[in-house]
Amino acid sequence: MDKRTGGIIATAATALFCGCPGLFTCLAGVATAAGGGTFTSDILGTSSSGQVPSWAGFAGICLGLLLVAIPVAVGFFTLRRPKEAMVGEVPPTS
Protein backbone atom coordinates (compact mmCIF):
# COMPACT_ATOMS: atom_id res chain seq x y z
CA MET A 1 0.00 0.00 0.00
CA ASP A 2 1.51 3.32 -1.02
CA LYS A 3 1.27 6.65 0.78
CA ARG A 4 -1.55 7.92 -1.41
CA THR A 5 -3.80 4.95 -0.64
CA GLY A 6 -3.08 5.32 3.07
CA GLY A 7 -3.97 9.00 2.86
CA ILE A 8 -7.26 8.24 1.14
CA ILE A 9 -8.14 5.64 3.79
CA ALA A 10 -7.20 8.03 6.62
CA THR A 11 -9.26 10.82 5.09
CA ALA A 12 -12.30 8.57 4.62
CA ALA A 13 -12.03 7.22 8.17
CA THR A 14 -11.75 10.67 9.74
CA ALA A 15 -14.62 11.92 7.60
CA LEU A 16 -16.77 9.06 8.87
CA PHE A 17 -15.76 9.22 12.53
CA CYS A 18 -15.17 12.97 12.93
CA GLY A 19 -16.81 14.80 10.03
CA CYS A 20 -20.30 13.29 10.24
CA PRO A 21 -20.65 13.65 14.04
CA GLY A 22 -19.23 17.16 13.69
CA LEU A 23 -21.94 18.15 11.22
CA PHE A 24 -24.68 16.82 13.50
CA THR A 25 -23.13 18.53 16.54
CA CYS A 26 -22.95 21.79 14.63
CA LEU A 27 -26.59 21.53 13.53
CA ALA A 28 -27.71 20.73 17.08
CA GLY A 29 -25.67 23.69 18.32
CA VAL A 30 -27.37 26.00 15.86
CA ALA A 31 -30.79 24.76 16.98
CA THR A 32 -29.86 25.20 20.65
CA ALA A 33 -28.36 28.67 20.13
CA ALA A 34 -31.52 29.72 18.30
CA GLY A 35 -33.60 28.83 21.36
CA GLY A 36 -34.84 25.41 20.31
CA GLY A 37 -33.23 23.46 23.13
CA THR A 38 -35.46 22.43 26.02
CA PHE A 39 -35.07 19.83 28.71
CA THR A 40 -37.23 17.95 31.16
CA SER A 41 -36.00 16.05 34.18
CA ASP A 42 -37.58 13.78 36.74
CA ILE A 43 -35.27 13.04 39.64
CA LEU A 44 -36.67 11.20 42.68
CA GLY A 45 -40.19 12.39 42.04
CA THR A 46 -39.25 16.01 41.43
CA SER A 47 -39.83 17.08 37.86
CA SER A 48 -38.73 20.25 36.15
CA SER A 49 -38.31 21.63 32.67
CA GLY A 50 -36.57 24.58 31.10
CA GLN A 51 -34.59 25.94 28.21
CA VAL A 52 -30.97 25.09 27.50
CA PRO A 53 -28.81 28.23 27.64
CA SER A 54 -27.64 29.63 24.33
CA TRP A 55 -23.96 29.43 25.36
CA ALA A 56 -24.29 25.65 25.19
CA GLY A 57 -25.41 26.01 21.58
CA PHE A 58 -22.43 28.20 20.72
CA ALA A 59 -20.11 25.66 22.35
CA GLY A 60 -21.73 22.95 20.21
CA ILE A 61 -21.15 25.01 17.07
CA CYS A 62 -17.47 25.47 17.93
CA LEU A 63 -17.03 21.78 18.74
CA GLY A 64 -18.78 20.79 15.52
CA LEU A 65 -16.58 23.07 13.41
CA LEU A 66 -13.48 21.65 15.09
CA LEU A 67 -14.61 18.11 14.32
CA VAL A 68 -15.32 19.02 10.69
CA ALA A 69 -11.87 20.62 10.35
CA ILE A 70 -10.08 17.37 11.31
CA PRO A 71 -10.85 15.44 8.09
CA VAL A 72 -10.05 18.53 6.03
CA ALA A 73 -6.64 18.82 7.69
CA VAL A 74 -5.95 15.09 7.38
CA GLY A 75 -6.86 15.16 3.71
CA PHE A 76 -4.72 18.21 3.07
CA PHE A 77 -1.62 16.89 4.79
CA THR A 78 -1.83 13.31 3.52
CA LEU A 79 -2.95 13.91 -0.07
CA ARG A 80 -0.89 16.93 -1.05
CA ARG A 81 1.99 16.48 -3.40
CA PRO A 82 5.29 17.85 -2.13
CA LYS A 83 7.17 20.27 -4.30
CA GLU A 84 9.82 18.50 -6.29
CA ALA A 85 13.31 19.76 -5.58
CA MET A 86 15.30 21.07 -8.48
CA VAL A 87 18.29 18.76 -8.77
CA GLY A 88 21.41 20.00 -10.50
CA GLU A 89 20.15 23.49 -11.21
CA VAL A 90 21.95 26.42 -9.67
CA PRO A 91 20.05 29.71 -9.39
CA PRO A 92 21.64 32.62 -11.29
CA THR A 93 23.74 35.09 -9.31
CA SER A 94 23.86 38.77 -9.95
C-alpha atoms as a PDB file:
ATOM      1  CA  MET A   1       0.000   0.000   0.000  1.00  0.00           C
ATOM      2  CA  ASP A   2       1.508   3.322  -1.016  1.00  0.00           C
ATOM      3  CA  LYS A   3       1.273   6.651   0.778  1.00  0.00           C
ATOM      4  CA  ARG A   4      -1.546   7.922  -1.411  1.00  0.00           C
ATOM      5  CA  THR A   5      -3.805   4.948  -0.641  1.00  0.00           C
ATOM      6  CA  GLY A   6      -3.082   5.318   3.072  1.00  0.00           C
ATOM      7  CA  GLY A   7      -3.974   8.998   2.857  1.00  0.00           C
ATOM      8  CA  ILE A   8      -7.263   8.244   1.144  1.00  0.00           C
ATOM      9  CA  ILE A   9      -8.142   5.645   3.789  1.00  0.00           C
ATOM     10  CA  ALA A  10      -7.196   8.029   6.617  1.00  0.00           C
ATOM     11  CA  THR A  11      -9.259  10.820   5.085  1.00  0.00           C
ATOM     12  CA  ALA A  12     -12.300   8.571   4.619  1.00  0.00           C
ATOM     13  CA  ALA A  13     -12.027   7.224   8.173  1.00  0.00           C
ATOM     14  CA  THR A  14     -11.746  10.674   9.745  1.00  0.00           C
ATOM     15  CA  ALA A  15     -14.621  11.923   7.602  1.00  0.00           C
ATOM     16  CA  LEU A  16     -16.770   9.060   8.865  1.00  0.00           C
ATOM     17  CA  PHE A  17     -15.762   9.222  12.526  1.00  0.00           C
ATOM     18  CA  CYS A  18     -15.170  12.974  12.932  1.00  0.00           C
ATOM     19  CA  GLY A  19     -16.814  14.799  10.033  1.00  0.00           C
ATOM     20  CA  CYS A  20     -20.299  13.292  10.238  1.00  0.00           C
ATOM     21  CA  PRO A  21     -20.650  13.655  14.037  1.00  0.00           C
ATOM     22  CA  GLY A  22     -19.232  17.164  13.687  1.00  0.00           C
ATOM     23  CA  LEU A  23     -21.945  18.147  11.221  1.00  0.00           C
ATOM     24  CA  PHE A  24     -24.684  16.821  13.498  1.00  0.00           C
ATOM     25  CA  THR A  25     -23.135  18.526  16.539  1.00  0.00           C
ATOM     26  CA  CYS A  26     -22.951  21.790  14.627  1.00  0.00           C
ATOM     27  CA  LEU A  27     -26.588  21.528  13.534  1.00  0.00           C
ATOM     28  CA  ALA A  28     -27.711  20.731  17.083  1.00  0.00           C
ATOM     29  CA  GLY A  29     -25.666  23.688  18.323  1.00  0.00           C
ATOM     30  CA  VAL A  30     -27.368  26.002  15.856  1.00  0.00           C
ATOM     31  CA  ALA A  31     -30.788  24.762  16.985  1.00  0.00           C
ATOM     32  CA  THR A  32     -29.862  25.200  20.654  1.00  0.00           C
ATOM     33  CA  ALA A  33     -28.364  28.668  20.134  1.00  0.00           C
ATOM     34  CA  ALA A  34     -31.523  29.716  18.302  1.00  0.00           C
ATOM     35  CA  GLY A  35     -33.601  28.829  21.362  1.00  0.00           C
ATOM     36  CA  GLY A  36     -34.845  25.410  20.312  1.00  0.00           C
ATOM     37  CA  GLY A  37     -33.229  23.464  23.133  1.00  0.00           C
ATOM     38  CA  THR A  38     -35.461  22.430  26.018  1.00  0.00           C
ATOM     39  CA  PHE A  39     -35.066  19.826  28.708  1.00  0.00           C
ATOM     40  CA  THR A  40     -37.231  17.946  31.165  1.00  0.00           C
ATOM     41  CA  SER A  41     -35.996  16.051  34.175  1.00  0.00           C
ATOM     42  CA  ASP A  42     -37.582  13.779  36.736  1.00  0.00           C
ATOM     43  CA  ILE A  43     -35.269  13.036  39.638  1.00  0.00           C
ATOM     44  CA  LEU A  44     -36.670  11.203  42.675  1.00  0.00           C
ATOM     45  CA  GLY A  45     -40.191  12.389  42.043  1.00  0.00           C
ATOM     46  CA  THR A  46     -39.251  16.011  41.433  1.00  0.00           C
ATOM     47  CA  SER A  47     -39.829  17.077  37.862  1.00  0.00           C
ATOM     48  CA  SER A  48     -38.731  20.246  36.152  1.00  0.00           C
ATOM     49  CA  SER A  49     -38.314  21.632  32.669  1.00  0.00           C
ATOM     50  CA  GLY A  50     -36.574  24.582  31.096  1.00  0.00           C
ATOM     51  CA  GLN A  51     -34.591  25.945  28.209  1.00  0.00           C
ATOM     52  CA  VAL A  52     -30.967  25.091  27.503  1.00  0.00           C
ATOM     53  CA  PRO A  53     -28.810  28.233  27.645  1.00  0.00           C
ATOM     54  CA  SER A  54     -27.638  29.631  24.326  1.00  0.00           C
ATOM     55  CA  TRP A  55     -23.963  29.428  25.356  1.00  0.00           C
ATOM     56  CA  ALA A  56     -24.291  25.648  25.186  1.00  0.00           C
ATOM     57  CA  GLY A  57     -25.415  26.009  21.577  1.00  0.00           C
ATOM     58  CA  PHE A  58     -22.431  28.198  20.721  1.00  0.00           C
ATOM     59  CA  ALA A  59     -20.114  25.656  22.353  1.00  0.00           C
ATOM     60  CA  GLY A  60     -21.726  22.949  20.205  1.00  0.00           C
ATOM     61  CA  ILE A  61     -21.155  25.007  17.075  1.00  0.00           C
ATOM     62  CA  CYS A  62     -17.470  25.471  17.935  1.00  0.00           C
ATOM     63  CA  LEU A  63     -17.029  21.781  18.736  1.00  0.00           C
ATOM     64  CA  GLY A  64     -18.777  20.794  15.518  1.00  0.00           C
ATOM     65  CA  LEU A  65     -16.576  23.072  13.408  1.00  0.00           C
ATOM     66  CA  LEU A  66     -13.481  21.651  15.087  1.00  0.00           C
ATOM     67  CA  LEU A  67     -14.611  18.105  14.324  1.00  0.00           C
ATOM     68  CA  VAL A  68     -15.323  19.017  10.693  1.00  0.00           C
ATOM     69  CA  ALA A  69     -11.870  20.619  10.355  1.00  0.00           C
ATOM     70  CA  ILE A  70     -10.085  17.372  11.311  1.00  0.00           C
ATOM     71  CA  PRO A  71     -10.845  15.436   8.087  1.00  0.00           C
ATOM     72  CA  VAL A  72     -10.054  18.527   6.029  1.00  0.00           C
ATOM     73  CA  ALA A  73      -6.635  18.820   7.689  1.00  0.00           C
ATOM     74  CA  VAL A  74      -5.948  15.086   7.380  1.00  0.00           C
ATOM     75  CA  GLY A  75      -6.863  15.164   3.710  1.00  0.00           C
ATOM     76  CA  PHE A  76      -4.721  18.214   3.068  1.00  0.00           C
ATOM     77  CA  PHE A  77      -1.618  16.886   4.794  1.00  0.00           C
ATOM     78  CA  THR A  78      -1.830  13.311   3.521  1.00  0.00           C
ATOM     79  CA  LEU A  79      -2.950  13.911  -0.065  1.00  0.00           C
ATOM     80  CA  ARG A  80      -0.891  16.933  -1.055  1.00  0.00           C
ATOM     81  CA  ARG A  81       1.986  16.485  -3.401  1.00  0.00           C
ATOM     82  CA  PRO A  82       5.294  17.846  -2.127  1.00  0.00           C
ATOM     83  CA  LYS A  83       7.171  20.272  -4.296  1.00  0.00           C
ATOM     84  CA  GLU A  84       9.820  18.504  -6.288  1.00  0.00           C
ATOM     85  CA  ALA A  85      13.311  19.759  -5.576  1.00  0.00           C
ATOM     86  CA  MET A  86      15.299  21.070  -8.481  1.00  0.00           C
ATOM     87  CA  VAL A  87      18.287  18.759  -8.775  1.00  0.00           C
ATOM     88  CA  GLY A  88      21.411  20.004 -10.502  1.00  0.00           C
ATOM     89  CA  GLU A  89      20.146  23.493 -11.210  1.00  0.00           C
ATOM     90  CA  VAL A  90      21.947  26.425  -9.666  1.00  0.00           C
ATOM     91  CA  PRO A  91      20.051  29.711  -9.392  1.00  0.00           C
ATOM     92  CA  PRO A  92      21.635  32.622 -11.287  1.00  0.00           C
ATOM     93  CA  THR A  93      23.743  35.087  -9.311  1.00  0.00           C
ATOM     94  CA  SER A  94      23.858  38.774  -9.946  1.00  0.00           C
END
